Each structure stands twice: as C-alpha cells, then as structure tokens.
Protein backbone atom coordinates (compact mmCIF):
# COMPACT_ATOMS: atom_id res chain seq x y z
CA MET A 1 -0.09 38.86 16.33
CA ASN A 2 -1.68 39.02 19.82
CA ASP A 3 -0.91 35.32 20.28
CA ALA A 4 2.79 35.82 19.54
CA PRO A 5 5.17 35.37 22.52
CA LEU A 6 6.74 38.77 21.81
CA ARG A 7 4.46 41.60 20.69
CA HIS A 8 6.79 44.58 21.06
CA VAL A 9 10.48 45.15 21.72
CA SER A 10 9.54 46.19 25.28
CA ASP A 11 8.40 42.61 25.93
CA THR A 12 12.07 41.65 26.03
CA ALA A 13 12.17 43.41 29.42
CA LEU A 14 9.60 40.94 30.77
CA TRP A 15 11.64 38.09 29.30
CA VAL A 16 14.89 39.19 30.97
CA ALA A 17 13.10 39.96 34.27
CA MET A 18 11.96 36.33 34.30
CA TYR A 19 15.59 35.24 34.01
CA ARG A 20 16.48 37.44 36.97
CA ALA A 21 13.64 35.84 38.92
CA PHE A 22 14.94 32.34 38.15
CA GLU A 23 18.40 33.28 39.40
CA SER A 24 17.10 35.11 42.48
CA GLU A 25 15.14 32.05 43.58
CA ARG A 26 18.15 29.73 43.51
CA PRO A 27 19.63 28.87 46.93
CA ASP A 28 23.07 29.72 45.53
CA ALA A 29 21.99 32.88 43.68
CA ILE A 30 24.82 35.15 42.53
CA PHE A 31 22.46 38.13 42.85
CA ARG A 32 18.97 38.65 44.21
CA ASP A 33 16.29 40.78 42.59
CA PRO A 34 13.26 40.63 44.91
CA TYR A 35 11.13 42.51 42.37
CA ALA A 36 11.91 40.42 39.29
CA ARG A 37 9.06 37.90 39.40
CA ARG A 38 6.50 40.60 40.18
CA LEU A 39 7.73 42.68 37.25
CA ALA A 40 7.93 39.75 34.83
CA GLY A 41 4.39 38.68 35.67
CA GLU A 42 2.53 35.96 33.84
CA ARG A 43 3.48 37.48 30.47
CA GLY A 44 7.16 37.06 31.28
CA ALA A 45 6.60 33.45 32.31
CA GLU A 46 4.61 32.79 29.12
CA ILE A 47 7.34 34.32 26.95
CA VAL A 48 9.94 31.98 28.45
CA ARG A 49 7.61 28.99 28.06
CA SER A 50 6.87 29.87 24.43
CA LEU A 51 10.26 30.77 23.00
CA PRO A 52 12.45 27.90 21.80
CA ARG A 53 15.19 26.98 24.28
CA ALA A 54 14.47 30.12 26.30
CA ARG A 55 14.91 28.48 29.70
CA SER A 56 18.19 26.79 28.78
CA LEU A 57 19.61 30.05 27.40
CA ALA A 58 19.06 32.05 30.57
CA TRP A 59 22.72 31.86 31.58
CA PRO A 60 24.11 34.69 29.37
CA MET A 61 21.54 37.15 30.77
CA VAL A 62 22.27 36.06 34.32
CA VAL A 63 25.99 36.51 33.71
CA ARG A 64 25.43 39.91 32.10
CA THR A 65 23.42 41.10 35.10
CA ALA A 66 25.98 39.89 37.62
CA VAL A 67 29.01 41.33 35.81
CA MET A 68 27.33 44.70 35.25
CA ASN A 69 26.45 44.78 38.96
CA GLU A 70 30.14 44.35 39.77
CA ILE A 71 31.30 47.06 37.37
CA ILE A 72 28.66 49.55 38.50
CA LEU A 73 29.42 49.06 42.19
CA ARG A 74 33.15 49.33 41.59
CA HIS A 75 32.89 52.60 39.70
CA VAL A 76 30.38 54.09 42.12
CA GLY A 77 32.97 53.31 44.78
CA LEU A 78 35.57 55.10 42.65
CA GLY A 79 33.49 58.26 42.45
CA VAL A 80 30.69 57.97 39.88
CA ARG A 81 28.00 60.37 41.09
CA THR A 82 25.33 59.99 38.40
CA VAL A 83 24.03 56.97 36.48
CA VAL A 84 21.85 57.36 33.39
CA ASN A 85 20.24 54.04 32.48
CA PHE A 86 19.06 54.26 28.85
CA ALA A 87 16.18 51.91 27.90
CA ALA A 88 16.09 50.79 31.52
CA GLY A 89 13.24 48.35 31.01
CA LEU A 90 12.57 46.58 34.30
CA ASP A 91 16.03 47.02 35.78
CA THR A 92 15.82 47.45 39.57
CA ARG A 93 19.45 48.10 40.47
CA ALA A 94 18.54 51.47 41.99
CA TYR A 95 16.34 49.55 44.45
CA ARG A 96 18.46 46.52 45.23
CA LEU A 97 22.15 47.42 45.02
CA ALA A 98 24.01 48.92 47.98
CA LEU A 99 24.35 52.41 46.49
CA PRO A 100 25.17 55.71 48.23
CA ALA A 101 22.08 57.71 49.14
CA GLU A 102 23.48 60.74 47.31
CA LEU A 103 24.02 58.89 44.00
CA ARG A 104 21.70 60.20 41.27
CA TRP A 105 20.17 57.42 39.18
CA PHE A 106 17.91 58.01 36.17
CA ASP A 107 15.96 55.09 34.66
CA VAL A 108 14.95 56.22 31.16
CA ASP A 109 12.39 54.53 28.91
CA LEU A 110 9.24 54.95 26.83
CA PRO A 111 5.99 56.12 28.48
CA ASP A 112 4.31 52.70 28.76
CA MET A 113 7.38 51.10 30.30
CA ILE A 114 7.83 53.90 32.83
CA ALA A 115 4.14 53.65 33.76
CA TYR A 116 4.50 49.89 34.24
CA ARG A 117 7.60 50.38 36.39
CA ARG A 118 5.88 52.95 38.58
CA GLU A 119 2.82 50.77 39.06
CA HIS A 120 4.74 47.65 40.03
CA LEU A 121 7.43 49.37 42.11
CA ALA A 122 5.09 51.80 43.87
CA GLU A 123 5.88 50.38 47.31
CA ALA A 124 9.60 49.82 46.70
CA ARG A 125 12.13 52.28 48.07
CA PRO A 126 15.30 53.09 46.12
CA THR A 127 18.66 53.01 47.85
CA CYS A 128 19.78 56.21 46.08
CA ALA A 129 18.31 59.42 44.62
CA HIS A 130 16.29 57.72 41.91
CA GLU A 131 14.04 59.11 39.18
CA ASP A 132 12.10 57.50 36.34
CA VAL A 133 12.35 59.57 33.16
CA VAL A 134 10.06 59.32 30.14
CA ALA A 135 11.92 59.72 26.85
CA ASN A 136 12.16 58.28 23.37
CA LEU A 137 15.89 57.83 22.97
CA ALA A 138 15.56 57.65 19.19
CA ASP A 139 14.57 61.32 19.27
CA SER A 140 17.67 63.52 19.54
CA ALA A 141 15.80 66.34 21.30
CA GLU A 142 14.42 64.02 23.96
CA ARG A 143 17.83 62.39 24.34
CA ALA A 144 19.38 65.84 24.80
CA ALA A 145 16.86 66.67 27.50
CA VAL A 146 17.83 63.53 29.40
CA LEU A 147 21.55 64.23 29.09
CA ALA A 148 20.99 67.82 30.22
CA ARG A 149 19.96 66.41 33.60
CA VAL A 150 23.52 65.19 34.11
CA GLY A 151 24.82 68.74 33.92
CA GLY A 152 27.94 69.16 35.98
CA ALA A 153 27.07 66.27 38.29
CA GLY A 154 29.92 64.07 37.17
CA PRO A 155 31.63 61.80 36.91
CA ALA A 156 28.66 60.08 35.28
CA MET A 157 28.08 56.67 33.74
CA VAL A 158 25.62 55.81 30.97
CA ILE A 159 24.26 52.26 30.79
CA THR A 160 22.75 50.67 27.67
CA GLU A 161 22.12 47.12 28.80
CA GLY A 162 20.39 45.01 26.16
CA LEU A 163 19.67 48.03 23.95
CA LEU A 164 22.28 48.40 21.23
CA VAL A 165 21.68 45.03 19.56
CA TYR A 166 18.19 46.23 18.51
CA LEU A 167 19.50 49.41 16.87
CA THR A 168 21.12 50.14 13.54
CA SER A 169 24.75 51.16 13.25
CA GLU A 170 23.59 54.67 12.38
CA GLN A 171 21.48 54.90 15.54
CA VAL A 172 24.32 53.65 17.74
CA THR A 173 26.67 56.16 16.11
CA ALA A 174 24.23 58.99 16.84
CA ILE A 175 23.94 57.97 20.50
CA ALA A 176 27.71 57.59 20.86
CA ARG A 177 28.36 61.05 19.45
CA HIS A 178 25.59 62.65 21.48
CA VAL A 179 26.68 61.15 24.79
CA HIS A 180 30.26 62.19 24.05
CA THR A 181 29.17 65.85 23.93
CA VAL A 182 28.45 65.71 27.67
CA PRO A 183 31.79 66.17 29.46
CA ALA A 184 30.42 64.82 32.75
CA VAL A 185 29.84 61.39 31.20
CA ARG A 186 33.10 59.58 31.63
CA TRP A 187 31.97 55.96 31.34
CA TRP A 188 29.59 53.99 29.13
CA LEU A 189 28.65 50.46 30.19
CA THR A 190 27.07 48.23 27.56
CA ASP A 191 26.95 44.74 26.11
CA LEU A 192 28.03 43.85 22.60
CA ALA A 193 27.49 40.96 20.23
CA THR A 194 29.40 40.06 17.08
CA PRO A 195 27.95 38.79 13.79
CA LEU A 196 28.77 35.24 14.89
CA LEU A 197 26.51 35.53 17.95
CA LEU A 198 23.68 37.12 15.96
CA GLN A 199 23.81 34.22 13.56
CA LEU A 200 23.36 31.78 16.45
CA LEU A 201 20.57 33.79 18.10
CA ARG A 202 18.63 34.20 14.88
CA ARG A 203 18.46 30.45 14.50
CA ASN A 204 16.47 30.29 17.73
CA TRP A 205 14.37 33.45 17.84
CA GLN A 206 14.36 35.29 14.51
CA PRO A 207 10.61 34.69 13.72
CA GLN A 208 9.52 35.76 17.21
CA LEU A 209 11.68 38.88 17.22
CA ALA A 210 10.50 39.80 13.73
CA ALA A 211 6.88 39.50 14.89
CA ALA A 212 7.65 41.99 17.66
CA ASN A 213 9.38 44.35 15.21
CA ALA A 214 12.54 43.82 17.25
CA PRO A 215 15.17 42.46 14.87
CA MET A 216 18.66 42.06 16.25
CA GLN A 217 20.84 44.32 14.13
CA PHE A 218 23.89 45.92 15.74
CA ALA A 219 26.80 43.51 15.99
CA PRO A 220 30.14 45.06 15.03
CA ALA A 221 32.87 42.65 14.04
CA ASP A 222 35.26 44.75 16.15
CA GLY A 223 33.65 46.93 18.79
CA ARG A 224 36.92 48.67 19.56
CA ALA A 225 37.29 49.81 15.95
CA PHE A 226 33.65 50.93 15.81
CA PHE A 227 33.67 53.13 18.92
CA ALA A 228 37.21 54.55 18.79
CA PRO A 229 36.50 57.20 16.09
CA LEU A 230 33.45 58.28 18.11
CA GLY A 231 35.55 59.16 21.16
CA TRP A 232 35.17 55.96 23.17
CA ARG A 233 38.01 53.67 24.24
CA GLU A 234 37.45 50.12 25.42
CA ALA A 235 38.58 50.29 29.04
CA GLU A 236 37.38 46.82 30.02
CA PHE A 237 36.03 43.78 28.19
CA ARG A 238 34.47 40.86 30.04
CA SER A 239 33.76 37.84 27.87
CA VAL A 240 30.37 36.32 28.70
CA TRP A 241 31.85 32.87 28.11
CA ASP A 242 34.80 33.45 30.45
CA GLU A 243 32.58 35.03 33.09
CA SER A 244 30.04 32.22 32.86
CA ARG A 245 32.75 29.76 33.86
CA ARG A 246 33.98 32.01 36.66
CA LEU A 247 30.46 32.49 38.04
CA LYS A 248 29.47 28.84 37.46
CA ARG A 249 26.51 29.83 35.29
CA THR A 250 27.35 28.23 32.00
CA VAL A 251 26.19 25.59 29.52
CA ARG A 252 26.25 21.89 30.16
CA LEU A 253 29.58 20.30 29.25
CA ALA A 254 31.26 23.71 29.29
CA TRP A 255 34.52 22.02 30.25
CA LEU A 256 34.36 19.97 27.05
CA TRP A 257 33.65 23.01 24.85
CA HIS A 258 36.50 24.82 26.58
CA TRP A 259 38.87 21.93 25.94
CA LEU A 260 37.81 21.62 22.29
CA GLY A 261 38.31 25.35 21.89
CA ARG A 262 41.97 24.95 22.77
CA LEU A 263 42.40 22.97 19.55
CA ARG A 264 41.49 26.02 17.48
CA SER A 265 43.97 28.64 16.34
CA LYS A 266 44.56 31.62 18.62
CA PRO A 267 42.67 34.09 16.35
CA VAL A 268 39.65 31.77 16.22
CA ARG A 269 39.70 31.28 20.00
CA GLU A 270 39.79 35.05 20.49
CA ALA A 271 36.91 35.54 18.05
CA TYR A 272 34.77 33.11 20.05
CA ARG A 273 35.83 34.66 23.36
CA ARG A 274 34.74 38.09 22.15
CA MET A 275 31.53 36.79 20.54
CA SER A 276 29.52 38.24 23.43
CA GLY A 277 30.81 40.58 26.09
CA ILE A 278 30.17 43.26 28.66
CA VAL A 279 32.13 46.35 27.70
CA LEU A 280 33.09 49.42 29.67
CA LEU A 281 33.88 52.33 27.38
CA GLU A 282 35.80 55.40 28.55
CA ARG A 283 35.51 58.79 26.87
CA GLU A 284 38.48 60.18 25.00
CA PRO A 285 38.90 63.33 22.90
CA VAL A 286 37.72 62.92 19.33
C-alpha cells in the first residue's frame, strides 16, 4: 500500500494543509497560512494530484477553515482563555491568528504528528502561549491527562476540526461525555456531516480512505439530537453551502444549484443546507 495516495489517517492533515496553501497563495485569499505549503510538502501535493476531483473539492475545506477562524477569534474576544485543539494535525492557528499573548493553546495529536509539527515549525513563533501535546485521544487516560491541563483556566474551548467523521458514534459519545466533565470547557467547535454527505464523499474517495484505514463513519442525521443528551446544545450552526456563497468559495454554477434548490420542499432544502456544517456546541447540565 506504499503507492497509495493515503497511507494513514494522519495523511489527511497533509491533504488539508495543501488546500490551505492553495487558498493562501491566491491574491484574494480569505485567510493566509504562511506555513501550509511547507507542512503539506511533496506528499501533500501528491495526495491532491492522485485523489479523484481533489483539487475541485478544495472549497469546503477552505470554507471550514475560514469560518472556524471567525468563530475562534470572536470567542477569544469574548473571554475564552484556553483552547484545546484535539487531533490538531497541521493546524497553525496558534502561529498565524491575532491571538492574545496570554491565551493558552494546546495542539494535541499522536507522537509522529507532533514530531512532524515540531520539525517543520521549529523557527515559527506562536502568537500565544502555545504547547504541542502528545496524546492518543482514543485512550481515556491520555484524554483525561490532556483535559487536566485545562484545570480552572476557563472559559475554555475544545476544537475537533476534521476529526469526528473518522470516529464511531460510540467514540464520539465517549469524548462528548468526557469533555463535559470539565467545567472549564464551555464551548466545543467542530464540523459535522450527515449521511447524505458521506454518501457523496464515498463515491469519490472510499477506496483511498479504506486503504489508509480511515473510513468516514460518524454522520448523525440530526446532530442536535445526538449531542443534546450528552450535555451539549447547538449554539451556532454555519452551513458550509451558505458560507461558501458568502465567502465566494463555492462550486461552479452555484447560483443555478441555489435556484434549483428553491424548487424543493422546505424540509428537503433544510436537509441539504445542514448536509455539512460548522457547529459551535455549548455545555449544558446533563
């Protein structure tokens, strides 16, 4: 399988970093990540060249990055003091966003990914109090050790960008319950897909993701209903489709698809609008 575009789930970080590089190099970029191309490397470029339609499907990842930037900056401005970035991959927000120097930011990932980050960001300087943390988030004890770092330094926000879709419902439930036990964590920022989106994505990339042992799995039909019993309320939902039109990073003929969508019933339109979204969850008592 060494010739496969994707060899491990961690390779998806190289893939998404390449998308950030493409956007950053546009003259009209909606964000700039000066480290993205260096982090993606030739492997990231090869992944995008090899995967079917990978270049044309960059827009949802670009939109996700931009919208999450907005939400993070807004809530840091409202008083978030600690950010815990689960499965951080090659995210460089702690180095490129205008964050307060006193903000604590933890980028958490597996040992090889953290080593890769440290090697390629050795000369970069974070804008806040940043720390890379080695942990296997599937292990409850290691997850607890990470969450213990938050302590009383709240309000805190947990980020799981691009992570949940690769987990089972049982794994997501365990994380949701565990994070809820930490009173300092008030917010949880993530992205969610529905079964409809997974069906579309599998048509393009299922063989490659299977080869990397990275099947897309978690896609609740109703994210609000899934997380509510676990103590998390949907405080904000940003449809990737709606945001792509706002940010002018969408598919060709988006205006036509939007017009045709108006011919559908309201429930069907809403199902398509919520097919993929950036979600801000807020803790509530269970």
